N, C-alpha and C. Protein backbone atom coordinates (compact mmCIF):
# COMPACT_ATOMS: atom_id res chain seq x y z
N UNK A 1 -179.03 -29.15 -2.05
CA UNK A 1 -178.95 -28.87 -0.62
C UNK A 1 -180.15 -28.74 -0.02
N UNK A 2 -180.21 -29.10 1.49
CA UNK A 2 -181.08 -28.78 2.34
C UNK A 2 -180.77 -27.85 3.10
N UNK A 3 -181.74 -26.84 3.36
CA UNK A 3 -181.69 -25.76 4.52
C UNK A 3 -182.66 -25.94 5.41
N UNK A 4 -182.36 -26.15 6.71
CA UNK A 4 -183.34 -26.54 7.66
C UNK A 4 -183.67 -25.57 8.48
N UNK A 5 -184.73 -24.78 8.67
CA UNK A 5 -185.22 -23.59 9.53
C UNK A 5 -186.12 -24.13 10.59
N UNK A 6 -185.61 -23.97 11.87
CA UNK A 6 -186.69 -24.40 12.92
C UNK A 6 -186.85 -23.33 14.06
N UNK A 7 -187.80 -23.47 14.70
CA UNK A 7 -188.26 -22.31 15.93
C UNK A 7 -189.62 -22.45 16.26
N UNK A 8 -189.70 -21.65 17.22
CA UNK A 8 -191.02 -21.56 17.71
C UNK A 8 -192.03 -20.62 16.89
N UNK A 9 -193.37 -20.64 17.36
CA UNK A 9 -194.26 -19.66 16.41
C UNK A 9 -193.94 -18.49 16.62
N UNK A 10 -193.86 -17.67 15.59
CA UNK A 10 -193.62 -16.36 15.53
C UNK A 10 -192.28 -15.77 15.63
N UNK A 11 -191.20 -16.89 15.45
CA UNK A 11 -190.14 -16.57 15.32
C UNK A 11 -189.67 -15.79 13.92
N UNK A 12 -190.73 -15.84 13.05
CA UNK A 12 -190.08 -15.59 11.65
C UNK A 12 -189.77 -16.71 10.56
N UNK A 13 -190.11 -18.19 10.98
CA UNK A 13 -189.78 -19.09 10.14
C UNK A 13 -190.12 -18.83 8.84
N UNK A 14 -191.56 -18.99 8.78
CA UNK A 14 -192.33 -18.84 7.28
C UNK A 14 -191.65 -17.83 6.53
N UNK A 15 -191.89 -16.38 6.89
CA UNK A 15 -191.23 -15.28 6.18
C UNK A 15 -189.89 -15.57 5.58
N UNK A 16 -189.16 -15.85 6.58
CA UNK A 16 -187.60 -16.16 6.27
C UNK A 16 -187.52 -17.05 5.17
N UNK A 17 -188.14 -18.35 5.68
CA UNK A 17 -187.77 -19.41 4.55
C UNK A 17 -188.39 -19.04 3.23
N UNK A 18 -189.45 -18.67 3.30
CA UNK A 18 -190.16 -18.39 1.91
C UNK A 18 -189.14 -17.34 1.06
N UNK A 19 -188.89 -16.16 1.73
CA UNK A 19 -187.94 -15.41 1.12
C UNK A 19 -186.57 -15.66 0.76
N UNK A 20 -185.99 -16.80 1.51
CA UNK A 20 -184.88 -17.41 1.35
C UNK A 20 -184.96 -18.23 0.19
N UNK A 21 -185.74 -19.16 0.13
CA UNK A 21 -186.17 -19.83 -1.04
C UNK A 21 -186.31 -18.99 -2.53
N UNK A 22 -186.82 -17.83 -2.42
CA UNK A 22 -186.75 -16.97 -3.44
C UNK A 22 -185.51 -16.66 -4.09
N UNK A 23 -184.77 -16.21 -2.95
CA UNK A 23 -183.58 -15.60 -3.22
C UNK A 23 -182.47 -16.70 -4.16
N UNK A 24 -182.66 -17.88 -3.34
CA UNK A 24 -181.88 -19.02 -3.80
C UNK A 24 -182.31 -19.83 -5.00
N UNK A 25 -183.49 -19.54 -5.26
CA UNK A 25 -184.06 -20.56 -6.22
C UNK A 25 -184.38 -21.95 -5.91
N UNK A 26 -184.32 -22.19 -4.60
CA UNK A 26 -185.02 -23.36 -3.92
C UNK A 26 -186.37 -23.49 -3.72
N UNK A 27 -186.52 -24.83 -3.62
CA UNK A 27 -188.17 -25.06 -3.38
C UNK A 27 -188.37 -24.75 -1.61
N UNK A 28 -189.75 -24.34 -1.52
CA UNK A 28 -189.97 -23.93 -0.13
C UNK A 28 -190.82 -24.91 0.42
N UNK A 29 -190.48 -25.82 1.40
CA UNK A 29 -191.42 -26.69 2.07
C UNK A 29 -192.05 -26.13 3.46
N UNK A 30 -193.39 -25.78 3.65
CA UNK A 30 -193.67 -25.47 4.92
C UNK A 30 -194.44 -26.80 5.48
N UNK A 31 -193.64 -27.30 6.26
CA UNK A 31 -194.19 -28.52 7.21
C UNK A 31 -195.30 -28.18 7.89
N UNK A 32 -195.53 -27.06 8.61
CA UNK A 32 -196.56 -26.62 9.38
C UNK A 32 -198.00 -26.73 8.45
N UNK A 33 -197.88 -26.41 7.17
CA UNK A 33 -198.97 -26.34 6.45
C UNK A 33 -199.39 -27.88 6.23
N UNK A 34 -198.48 -28.66 6.35
CA UNK A 34 -199.02 -30.23 6.06
C UNK A 34 -199.85 -30.61 7.35
N UNK A 35 -199.44 -30.32 8.65
CA UNK A 35 -200.19 -30.40 9.70
C UNK A 35 -201.54 -29.61 9.56
N UNK A 36 -201.54 -28.56 9.30
CA UNK A 36 -202.62 -27.77 9.05
C UNK A 36 -203.86 -28.57 8.19
N UNK A 37 -203.22 -29.10 6.97
CA UNK A 37 -203.82 -29.71 5.77
C UNK A 37 -204.58 -30.98 6.52
N UNK A 38 -203.91 -31.81 7.24
CA UNK A 38 -204.28 -33.00 7.84
C UNK A 38 -205.49 -32.58 8.81
N UNK A 39 -205.09 -31.59 9.70
CA UNK A 39 -206.23 -31.08 10.64
C UNK A 39 -207.59 -30.84 9.78
N UNK A 40 -207.26 -29.79 8.83
CA UNK A 40 -208.56 -29.57 7.84
C UNK A 40 -209.42 -30.89 7.38
N UNK A 41 -208.67 -31.93 7.01
CA UNK A 41 -209.14 -33.18 6.34
C UNK A 41 -209.99 -34.17 7.44
N UNK A 42 -209.23 -34.03 8.59
CA UNK A 42 -209.69 -34.70 9.79
C UNK A 42 -211.46 -34.00 10.16
N UNK A 43 -211.20 -32.88 10.31
CA UNK A 43 -212.48 -31.91 10.71
C UNK A 43 -213.26 -32.21 9.46
N UNK A 44 -213.12 -32.30 8.29
CA UNK A 44 -214.21 -32.17 7.26
C UNK A 44 -214.85 -33.80 7.33
N UNK A 45 -213.80 -34.86 7.45
CA UNK A 45 -214.42 -36.13 7.84
C UNK A 45 -214.85 -36.53 9.05
N UNK A 46 -214.97 -35.64 10.04
CA UNK A 46 -215.33 -36.03 11.30
C UNK A 46 -214.64 -36.84 11.98
N UNK A 47 -213.24 -37.00 11.87
CA UNK A 47 -212.47 -38.00 12.45
C UNK A 47 -212.11 -37.44 13.91
N UNK A 48 -212.18 -37.96 14.91
CA UNK A 48 -212.10 -37.27 16.24
C UNK A 48 -210.63 -37.15 16.41
N UNK A 49 -210.20 -36.16 17.12
CA UNK A 49 -208.79 -35.56 16.73
C UNK A 49 -207.95 -36.24 18.11
N UNK A 50 -208.68 -37.05 19.02
CA UNK A 50 -208.00 -37.74 19.82
C UNK A 50 -207.33 -39.24 19.56
N UNK A 51 -207.87 -39.62 18.22
CA UNK A 51 -207.46 -40.75 17.80
C UNK A 51 -206.36 -40.82 17.17
N UNK A 52 -205.18 -40.94 17.52
CA UNK A 52 -204.03 -40.80 16.83
C UNK A 52 -203.77 -41.90 15.69
N UNK A 53 -204.24 -42.94 15.97
CA UNK A 53 -204.02 -44.24 14.94
C UNK A 53 -204.76 -43.94 13.67
N UNK A 54 -205.87 -43.67 13.87
CA UNK A 54 -206.98 -43.20 12.55
C UNK A 54 -206.24 -41.81 11.89
N UNK A 55 -205.73 -40.85 12.70
CA UNK A 55 -205.02 -39.83 12.18
C UNK A 55 -204.07 -40.10 11.13
N UNK A 56 -203.24 -40.98 11.60
CA UNK A 56 -201.89 -41.45 11.13
C UNK A 56 -202.13 -42.10 9.91
N UNK A 57 -203.29 -42.99 9.84
CA UNK A 57 -203.84 -43.79 8.84
C UNK A 57 -204.24 -42.59 7.55
N UNK A 58 -204.95 -41.83 8.13
CA UNK A 58 -205.52 -40.61 7.12
C UNK A 58 -204.61 -39.81 6.46
N UNK A 59 -203.47 -39.66 7.13
CA UNK A 59 -202.26 -38.81 6.72
C UNK A 59 -201.49 -40.02 5.50
N UNK A 60 -201.49 -41.16 5.87
CA UNK A 60 -200.88 -41.95 5.02
C UNK A 60 -201.63 -42.18 3.49
N UNK A 61 -202.86 -42.30 3.90
CA UNK A 61 -203.58 -42.28 2.84
C UNK A 61 -204.08 -41.20 1.71
N UNK A 62 -203.50 -39.96 2.39
CA UNK A 62 -203.60 -38.80 1.66
C UNK A 62 -202.37 -37.92 1.88
N UNK A 63 -201.32 -38.22 0.85
CA UNK A 63 -200.20 -37.50 1.35
C UNK A 63 -200.60 -35.93 0.97
N UNK A 64 -199.97 -35.06 1.52
CA UNK A 64 -200.10 -33.56 1.22
C UNK A 64 -199.02 -33.49 0.20
N UNK A 65 -199.62 -32.33 -0.63
CA UNK A 65 -198.81 -31.93 -1.76
C UNK A 65 -198.47 -30.42 -1.61
N UNK A 66 -197.25 -30.33 -1.82
CA UNK A 66 -196.87 -28.80 -1.70
C UNK A 66 -196.22 -28.42 -3.08
N UNK A 67 -196.83 -27.44 -3.75
CA UNK A 67 -196.40 -26.94 -5.08
C UNK A 67 -195.40 -25.71 -5.03
N UNK A 68 -194.73 -25.60 -6.16
CA UNK A 68 -193.88 -24.51 -6.28
C UNK A 68 -194.27 -22.99 -6.02
N UNK A 69 -195.47 -23.01 -5.81
CA UNK A 69 -196.59 -21.63 -5.87
C UNK A 69 -196.85 -21.50 -4.43
N UNK A 70 -196.53 -22.32 -3.62
CA UNK A 70 -196.99 -22.40 -2.10
C UNK A 70 -198.44 -22.93 -1.99
N UNK A 71 -199.20 -23.58 -2.94
CA UNK A 71 -200.46 -24.22 -2.77
C UNK A 71 -200.38 -25.32 -2.02
N UNK A 72 -201.24 -25.73 -1.29
CA UNK A 72 -201.23 -26.88 -0.36
C UNK A 72 -202.59 -27.50 -0.77
N UNK A 73 -202.27 -28.90 -1.32
CA UNK A 73 -203.49 -29.77 -1.51
C UNK A 73 -203.41 -31.03 -0.86
N UNK A 74 -204.73 -31.65 -0.41
CA UNK A 74 -204.62 -32.75 0.08
C UNK A 74 -206.18 -33.42 -0.23
N UNK A 75 -206.13 -34.75 -0.57
CA UNK A 75 -207.47 -35.67 -0.91
C UNK A 75 -208.12 -34.90 -1.96
N UNK A 76 -207.23 -34.00 -2.92
CA UNK A 76 -207.77 -33.58 -4.16
C UNK A 76 -208.37 -32.19 -4.12
N UNK A 77 -208.08 -31.49 -2.88
CA UNK A 77 -208.69 -30.34 -2.46
C UNK A 77 -207.61 -29.49 -2.24
N UNK A 78 -207.81 -28.25 -2.81
CA UNK A 78 -206.86 -27.08 -2.54
C UNK A 78 -207.20 -26.41 -1.19
N UNK A 79 -206.45 -26.75 -0.22
CA UNK A 79 -206.69 -25.87 1.08
C UNK A 79 -205.71 -24.86 1.54
N UNK A 80 -205.27 -24.16 0.60
CA UNK A 80 -204.15 -23.14 0.81
C UNK A 80 -204.76 -22.38 1.77
N UNK A 81 -206.00 -21.64 1.33
CA UNK A 81 -206.83 -20.52 2.28
C UNK A 81 -207.55 -21.02 3.54
N UNK A 82 -208.18 -22.60 3.27
CA UNK A 82 -208.84 -22.87 4.18
C UNK A 82 -207.96 -23.21 5.62
N UNK A 83 -206.69 -23.68 5.42
CA UNK A 83 -205.95 -23.99 6.60
C UNK A 83 -205.48 -22.77 7.37
N UNK A 84 -205.54 -21.65 7.09
CA UNK A 84 -205.40 -20.40 7.71
C UNK A 84 -206.31 -20.03 8.85
N UNK A 85 -207.50 -20.74 9.04
CA UNK A 85 -208.62 -20.39 9.49
C UNK A 85 -208.20 -20.62 11.20
N UNK A 86 -209.06 -19.58 11.85
CA UNK A 86 -208.72 -19.48 13.47
C UNK A 86 -208.98 -21.11 13.90
N UNK A 87 -209.99 -21.80 13.45
CA UNK A 87 -210.33 -23.05 14.14
C UNK A 87 -209.13 -24.04 14.07
N UNK A 88 -208.73 -23.96 12.75
CA UNK A 88 -207.34 -24.61 12.24
C UNK A 88 -206.09 -24.34 13.32
N UNK A 89 -206.09 -23.17 13.57
CA UNK A 89 -204.84 -22.66 14.44
C UNK A 89 -205.03 -23.41 15.87
N UNK A 90 -206.28 -23.46 16.39
CA UNK A 90 -206.40 -23.96 17.57
C UNK A 90 -206.23 -25.57 17.65
N UNK A 91 -206.53 -26.24 16.64
CA UNK A 91 -206.77 -27.79 16.66
C UNK A 91 -205.43 -28.29 15.91
N UNK A 92 -204.43 -27.63 15.34
CA UNK A 92 -203.33 -28.22 14.88
C UNK A 92 -202.36 -28.66 15.90
N UNK A 93 -202.35 -28.35 16.99
CA UNK A 93 -201.38 -28.75 18.08
C UNK A 93 -202.03 -29.94 18.62
N UNK A 94 -203.07 -30.18 18.55
CA UNK A 94 -203.82 -31.42 19.11
C UNK A 94 -203.55 -32.68 17.93
N UNK A 95 -203.49 -32.48 16.69
CA UNK A 95 -203.33 -33.40 15.68
C UNK A 95 -201.75 -33.55 15.66
N UNK A 96 -201.21 -32.49 15.78
CA UNK A 96 -199.50 -32.73 15.47
C UNK A 96 -198.90 -33.60 16.63
N UNK A 97 -199.33 -33.60 17.84
CA UNK A 97 -198.79 -34.18 19.11
C UNK A 97 -198.90 -35.91 18.97
N UNK A 98 -199.62 -36.37 18.03
CA UNK A 98 -199.76 -37.83 17.96
C UNK A 98 -198.49 -38.15 17.18
N UNK A 99 -197.87 -39.38 17.71
CA UNK A 99 -196.76 -39.93 17.13
C UNK A 99 -196.87 -40.55 16.00
N UNK A 100 -198.23 -41.24 15.97
CA UNK A 100 -198.66 -41.83 14.59
C UNK A 100 -198.49 -40.77 13.53
N UNK A 101 -199.15 -39.57 13.71
CA UNK A 101 -199.12 -38.66 12.75
C UNK A 101 -197.78 -38.08 12.42
N UNK A 102 -197.05 -37.78 13.29
CA UNK A 102 -195.69 -37.30 13.22
C UNK A 102 -194.77 -38.31 12.26
N UNK A 103 -194.78 -39.61 12.46
CA UNK A 103 -194.04 -40.59 11.76
C UNK A 103 -194.33 -40.76 10.20
N UNK A 104 -195.75 -40.53 9.99
CA UNK A 104 -196.23 -40.31 8.54
C UNK A 104 -195.72 -39.05 7.99
N UNK A 105 -195.92 -37.97 8.56
CA UNK A 105 -195.40 -36.62 8.04
C UNK A 105 -193.91 -36.63 7.95
N UNK A 106 -193.18 -36.94 8.81
CA UNK A 106 -191.71 -37.02 8.64
C UNK A 106 -191.41 -37.84 7.50
N UNK A 107 -191.89 -38.79 7.29
CA UNK A 107 -191.85 -39.64 5.89
C UNK A 107 -192.08 -38.91 4.87
N UNK A 108 -193.11 -38.32 4.59
CA UNK A 108 -193.57 -37.50 3.72
C UNK A 108 -192.53 -36.27 3.41
N UNK A 109 -192.06 -35.63 4.34
CA UNK A 109 -191.08 -34.58 4.41
C UNK A 109 -190.08 -34.75 3.81
N UNK A 110 -189.44 -36.07 4.23
CA UNK A 110 -188.22 -36.60 3.65
C UNK A 110 -188.26 -36.94 2.18
N UNK A 111 -189.40 -37.55 1.73
CA UNK A 111 -189.74 -37.76 0.34
C UNK A 111 -189.45 -36.49 -0.59
N UNK A 112 -190.29 -35.33 0.06
CA UNK A 112 -190.21 -34.09 -0.70
C UNK A 112 -188.81 -33.38 -0.51
N UNK A 113 -188.18 -33.56 0.22
CA UNK A 113 -186.72 -33.07 0.53
C UNK A 113 -185.88 -33.80 -0.65
N UNK A 114 -186.10 -35.04 -0.79
CA UNK A 114 -185.20 -35.66 -1.75
C UNK A 114 -185.47 -35.39 -3.37
N UNK A 115 -186.49 -34.43 -3.46
CA UNK A 115 -186.68 -33.89 -4.80
C UNK A 115 -185.67 -32.81 -5.30
N UNK A 116 -184.94 -32.34 -4.35
CA UNK A 116 -183.86 -31.34 -4.88
C UNK A 116 -183.73 -30.09 -3.73
N UNK A 117 -182.92 -29.28 -4.33
CA UNK A 117 -182.58 -28.30 -3.19
C UNK A 117 -183.85 -27.56 -2.41
N UNK A 118 -183.78 -27.34 -1.28
CA UNK A 118 -185.14 -26.92 -0.56
C UNK A 118 -184.71 -26.13 0.54
N UNK A 119 -185.49 -25.24 1.02
CA UNK A 119 -185.59 -24.63 2.26
C UNK A 119 -186.80 -25.13 3.06
N UNK A 120 -186.72 -25.72 3.98
CA UNK A 120 -187.58 -26.49 4.72
C UNK A 120 -187.92 -26.08 6.37
N UNK A 121 -188.85 -25.54 6.54
CA UNK A 121 -189.29 -25.01 7.86
C UNK A 121 -190.25 -25.61 8.82
N UNK A 122 -189.72 -25.83 9.89
CA UNK A 122 -190.56 -26.35 11.06
C UNK A 122 -190.39 -26.49 12.47
N UNK A 123 -190.64 -27.19 13.19
CA UNK A 123 -190.33 -27.52 14.64
C UNK A 123 -188.96 -28.45 15.04
N UNK A 124 -188.89 -29.60 14.19
CA UNK A 124 -188.00 -30.37 14.43
C UNK A 124 -187.22 -31.06 12.95
N UNK A 125 -187.02 -29.97 11.91
CA UNK A 125 -186.54 -30.32 10.83
C UNK A 125 -184.86 -30.75 10.97
N UNK A 126 -184.13 -29.86 11.55
CA UNK A 126 -182.63 -30.12 11.72
C UNK A 126 -182.27 -31.31 12.62
N UNK A 127 -183.11 -31.44 13.64
CA UNK A 127 -182.91 -32.54 14.54
C UNK A 127 -183.46 -34.01 14.08
N UNK A 128 -184.47 -34.20 13.40
CA UNK A 128 -185.44 -35.22 13.11
C UNK A 128 -185.46 -35.50 11.83
N UNK A 129 -186.10 -34.67 10.80
CA UNK A 129 -186.46 -34.73 9.72
C UNK A 129 -185.23 -34.81 8.69
N UNK A 130 -184.44 -33.79 8.76
CA UNK A 130 -183.18 -33.72 7.95
C UNK A 130 -182.07 -33.51 8.57
N UNK A 131 -181.64 -34.66 9.64
CA UNK A 131 -180.45 -34.31 10.47
C UNK A 131 -179.22 -34.12 9.67
N UNK A 132 -179.12 -34.43 8.33
CA UNK A 132 -177.96 -34.22 7.50
C UNK A 132 -178.06 -32.86 6.81
N UNK A 133 -178.95 -32.21 6.98
CA UNK A 133 -179.06 -30.79 6.22
C UNK A 133 -177.72 -30.26 6.12
N UNK A 134 -177.27 -29.64 5.16
CA UNK A 134 -175.92 -28.84 4.85
C UNK A 134 -176.05 -27.49 5.82
N UNK A 135 -177.14 -26.84 5.87
CA UNK A 135 -177.38 -25.71 6.68
C UNK A 135 -178.60 -26.01 7.71
N UNK A 136 -178.17 -25.46 9.03
CA UNK A 136 -179.42 -25.55 10.01
C UNK A 136 -179.39 -24.32 10.72
N UNK A 137 -180.70 -23.93 10.77
CA UNK A 137 -180.93 -22.46 11.43
C UNK A 137 -181.90 -22.78 12.52
N UNK A 138 -181.97 -22.16 13.63
CA UNK A 138 -182.80 -22.22 14.71
C UNK A 138 -183.22 -20.84 15.02
N UNK A 139 -184.37 -20.18 15.08
CA UNK A 139 -184.91 -18.84 15.14
C UNK A 139 -185.57 -18.86 16.29
N UNK A 140 -185.10 -17.92 17.10
CA UNK A 140 -185.76 -17.47 18.14
C UNK A 140 -186.22 -15.83 18.26
N UNK A 141 -187.05 -15.57 19.12
CA UNK A 141 -187.45 -14.12 19.38
C UNK A 141 -188.04 -13.97 20.72
N UNK A 142 -188.16 -12.95 21.30
CA UNK A 142 -188.76 -12.64 22.58
C UNK A 142 -190.39 -12.94 22.43
N UNK A 143 -190.96 -13.44 23.40
CA UNK A 143 -192.36 -13.91 23.25
C UNK A 143 -193.16 -12.84 22.87
N UNK A 144 -192.84 -11.49 23.40
CA UNK A 144 -193.78 -10.14 23.10
C UNK A 144 -193.88 -10.03 21.68
N UNK A 145 -192.58 -9.93 21.22
CA UNK A 145 -192.26 -9.58 19.76
C UNK A 145 -193.06 -10.83 18.96
N UNK A 146 -192.93 -12.12 19.54
CA UNK A 146 -193.65 -13.24 18.61
C UNK A 146 -195.24 -12.98 18.63
N UNK A 147 -195.55 -12.55 19.71
CA UNK A 147 -197.18 -12.53 19.99
C UNK A 147 -197.52 -11.04 19.00
N UNK A 148 -196.69 -10.22 18.99
CA UNK A 148 -196.94 -8.99 17.89
C UNK A 148 -197.02 -9.31 16.59
N UNK A 149 -196.22 -10.18 16.11
CA UNK A 149 -196.07 -10.61 14.59
C UNK A 149 -197.40 -11.47 14.41
N UNK A 150 -197.71 -12.65 15.25
CA UNK A 150 -198.77 -13.26 14.88
C UNK A 150 -200.17 -12.25 14.98
N UNK A 151 -200.22 -11.31 15.86
CA UNK A 151 -201.17 -10.48 15.85
C UNK A 151 -201.36 -9.78 14.40
N UNK A 152 -200.01 -9.38 14.13
CA UNK A 152 -200.17 -8.65 12.70
C UNK A 152 -200.63 -9.51 11.47
N UNK A 153 -200.32 -10.84 11.57
CA UNK A 153 -200.71 -11.71 10.66
C UNK A 153 -202.01 -12.14 10.58
N UNK A 154 -202.68 -12.26 12.00
CA UNK A 154 -203.89 -12.90 12.15
C UNK A 154 -204.87 -11.77 13.05
N UNK A 155 -205.05 -10.60 12.81
CA UNK A 155 -205.70 -9.76 13.37
C UNK A 155 -207.09 -10.17 13.61
N UNK A 156 -207.83 -11.03 12.98
CA UNK A 156 -209.09 -11.29 13.18
C UNK A 156 -209.29 -12.34 14.63
N UNK A 157 -208.13 -12.81 15.24
CA UNK A 157 -208.14 -13.72 16.29
C UNK A 157 -208.17 -12.80 17.33
N UNK A 158 -207.44 -11.56 17.63
CA UNK A 158 -207.42 -10.92 18.82
C UNK A 158 -206.09 -11.21 19.59
N UNK A 159 -205.81 -10.21 20.20
CA UNK A 159 -204.45 -10.25 21.31
C UNK A 159 -204.50 -11.46 22.41
N UNK A 160 -205.64 -11.27 22.98
CA UNK A 160 -205.69 -12.24 24.23
C UNK A 160 -205.81 -13.79 23.72
N UNK A 161 -206.53 -13.93 22.78
CA UNK A 161 -206.60 -15.28 22.20
C UNK A 161 -205.36 -15.96 21.57
N UNK A 162 -204.53 -14.79 20.81
CA UNK A 162 -203.28 -15.09 20.20
C UNK A 162 -202.29 -15.44 21.26
N UNK A 163 -202.16 -14.64 22.40
CA UNK A 163 -201.27 -14.73 23.54
C UNK A 163 -201.40 -16.25 24.04
N UNK A 164 -202.94 -16.54 24.41
CA UNK A 164 -203.04 -17.92 24.90
C UNK A 164 -202.58 -19.12 23.91
N UNK A 165 -203.06 -18.84 22.58
CA UNK A 165 -202.66 -19.91 21.57
C UNK A 165 -201.00 -19.80 21.54
N UNK A 166 -200.38 -18.87 21.74
CA UNK A 166 -198.76 -18.87 21.69
C UNK A 166 -198.41 -19.80 22.67
N UNK A 167 -198.78 -19.34 24.01
CA UNK A 167 -198.14 -20.07 25.22
C UNK A 167 -198.71 -21.39 25.14
N UNK A 168 -199.87 -21.97 24.45
CA UNK A 168 -200.08 -23.34 24.31
C UNK A 168 -199.39 -23.98 23.37
N UNK A 169 -198.88 -23.46 22.34
CA UNK A 169 -198.07 -24.12 21.16
C UNK A 169 -196.74 -24.14 21.92
N UNK A 170 -196.13 -23.08 22.78
CA UNK A 170 -194.78 -23.58 23.08
C UNK A 170 -194.88 -24.73 24.16
N UNK A 171 -195.80 -24.61 25.01
CA UNK A 171 -196.01 -26.04 25.74
C UNK A 171 -196.14 -27.13 24.97
N UNK A 172 -196.89 -27.30 24.02
CA UNK A 172 -197.16 -28.35 23.25
C UNK A 172 -195.83 -28.75 22.54
N UNK A 173 -194.77 -27.63 22.19
CA UNK A 173 -193.65 -28.09 21.34
C UNK A 173 -192.45 -28.18 22.01
N UNK A 174 -192.57 -27.93 23.58
CA UNK A 174 -191.40 -28.02 24.24
C UNK A 174 -190.62 -29.15 24.19
N UNK A 175 -191.03 -30.53 23.98
CA UNK A 175 -190.47 -31.51 24.07
C UNK A 175 -189.52 -31.79 22.59
N UNK A 176 -189.86 -31.20 21.62
CA UNK A 176 -189.09 -31.20 20.28
C UNK A 176 -188.49 -29.97 19.77
N UNK A 177 -188.71 -28.96 20.66
CA UNK A 177 -188.11 -27.60 20.09
C UNK A 177 -186.88 -27.35 20.81
N UNK A 178 -185.94 -28.08 20.30
CA UNK A 178 -184.51 -27.85 20.56
C UNK A 178 -183.54 -27.76 19.44
N UNK A 179 -182.65 -26.80 19.21
CA UNK A 179 -181.95 -26.68 18.19
C UNK A 179 -180.86 -27.68 17.98
N UNK A 180 -180.56 -28.19 16.77
CA UNK A 180 -179.59 -29.24 16.57
C UNK A 180 -178.36 -28.61 16.99
N UNK A 181 -177.39 -29.45 17.68
CA UNK A 181 -176.06 -29.02 17.90
C UNK A 181 -175.27 -28.14 17.05
N UNK A 182 -175.54 -28.65 15.75
CA UNK A 182 -174.84 -27.92 14.75
C UNK A 182 -175.60 -26.58 13.98
N UNK A 183 -176.69 -26.13 14.62
CA UNK A 183 -177.42 -25.14 14.02
C UNK A 183 -176.96 -23.76 14.34
N UNK A 184 -177.18 -22.95 13.57
CA UNK A 184 -176.95 -21.34 13.97
C UNK A 184 -178.20 -20.85 14.49
N UNK A 185 -178.10 -20.34 15.63
CA UNK A 185 -179.16 -19.85 16.35
C UNK A 185 -179.24 -18.21 16.03
N UNK A 186 -180.51 -17.82 15.74
CA UNK A 186 -180.44 -16.35 15.42
C UNK A 186 -181.78 -15.80 16.03
N UNK A 187 -181.51 -14.96 16.88
CA UNK A 187 -182.41 -13.95 17.47
C UNK A 187 -182.95 -12.93 16.76
N UNK A 188 -184.17 -13.27 16.15
CA UNK A 188 -184.80 -12.05 15.30
C UNK A 188 -185.66 -10.94 15.67
N UNK A 189 -185.58 -10.90 17.28
CA UNK A 189 -186.33 -9.92 17.96
C UNK A 189 -186.24 -8.62 17.24
N UNK A 190 -185.04 -8.08 16.94
CA UNK A 190 -184.69 -6.72 16.74
C UNK A 190 -184.01 -6.66 15.15
N UNK A 191 -184.31 -7.90 14.49
CA UNK A 191 -183.88 -7.88 12.88
C UNK A 191 -184.91 -7.86 11.90
N UNK A 192 -184.82 -7.20 11.04
CA UNK A 192 -185.97 -7.19 10.00
C UNK A 192 -185.64 -8.49 9.13
N UNK A 193 -186.64 -8.87 8.47
CA UNK A 193 -186.54 -9.93 7.67
C UNK A 193 -185.37 -10.27 6.58
N UNK A 194 -184.80 -9.18 5.89
CA UNK A 194 -184.00 -9.13 4.95
C UNK A 194 -182.66 -9.12 5.48
N UNK A 195 -182.45 -8.85 6.85
CA UNK A 195 -181.25 -9.07 7.53
C UNK A 195 -181.08 -10.50 7.89
N UNK A 196 -182.06 -10.99 8.14
CA UNK A 196 -181.99 -12.44 8.71
C UNK A 196 -181.65 -13.21 7.32
N UNK A 197 -182.48 -13.08 6.41
CA UNK A 197 -182.39 -13.94 5.18
C UNK A 197 -180.85 -13.76 4.66
N UNK A 198 -180.42 -12.49 4.77
CA UNK A 198 -179.04 -12.16 4.03
C UNK A 198 -178.12 -12.95 4.93
N UNK A 199 -178.10 -13.01 6.46
CA UNK A 199 -177.42 -13.87 7.05
C UNK A 199 -177.33 -15.32 6.97
N UNK A 200 -178.32 -15.73 6.50
CA UNK A 200 -178.74 -17.30 6.34
C UNK A 200 -178.12 -17.59 4.92
N UNK A 201 -178.20 -16.73 4.04
CA UNK A 201 -177.95 -16.82 2.66
C UNK A 201 -176.33 -16.80 2.74
N UNK A 202 -175.80 -16.10 3.26
CA UNK A 202 -174.36 -16.05 3.35
C UNK A 202 -173.92 -17.54 3.96
N UNK A 203 -174.72 -18.11 4.84
CA UNK A 203 -174.04 -19.35 5.34
C UNK A 203 -174.37 -20.25 4.23
N UNK A 204 -175.29 -20.45 3.48
CA UNK A 204 -175.60 -21.32 2.52
C UNK A 204 -174.61 -21.14 1.32
N UNK A 205 -174.22 -19.99 0.88
CA UNK A 205 -173.11 -19.59 0.04
C UNK A 205 -171.75 -20.32 0.43
N UNK A 206 -171.51 -20.18 1.67
CA UNK A 206 -170.48 -20.76 2.35
C UNK A 206 -170.29 -22.32 2.36
N UNK A 207 -171.23 -22.74 2.36
CA UNK A 207 -171.50 -24.22 2.31
C UNK A 207 -171.64 -24.78 0.85
N UNK A 208 -171.85 -23.79 -0.23
CA UNK A 208 -172.19 -24.45 -1.34
C UNK A 208 -170.62 -24.92 -2.18
N UNK A 209 -170.76 -25.76 -2.99
CA UNK A 209 -169.46 -26.09 -3.74
C UNK A 209 -169.04 -24.93 -4.74
N UNK A 210 -167.77 -24.72 -4.76
CA UNK A 210 -167.46 -23.47 -5.51
C UNK A 210 -167.55 -23.63 -6.92
């Protein structure tokens, strides 16, 4: 079974998806980490981030690996910690907007999804990557709440910079940030993680074979 969780930055996708996967015993696939890893590699290799074709080739030549413990590897390097740096935060949207990159990444995400039960989180999982997912969730939250959550996660960046980053991400993601027609939309603004996870878990159980 595939559980697709989409939504804007700060809506709670990563935290909810990781906790849900733990509860269900499913694999957790953080597609955002894949784009971060490619950005890290492009910066390491000094590849201009405005060259979509070269970045797409880089992604195809170096498939991102996600293990069961949440480790992220690309081109033989463990980049789990490195991809959470502020400079990566700023540049990921630049890399992710290229169609050549998204095409390769979506193929890779589908390959990983085919390995078995998984909770996959991202921006367009339920609509593009896994449109046949048995359970589709779209998380939303008030922008102020999302900004506060991001600040709690990344206090090193600063409130003003995070607010700007959130606005830019929303603008960059606008074209593909739409819930699937059959997605369950959950506003997490006033819900804690366990409440959201329990709600999604109930949906998963309802879709599971008896």
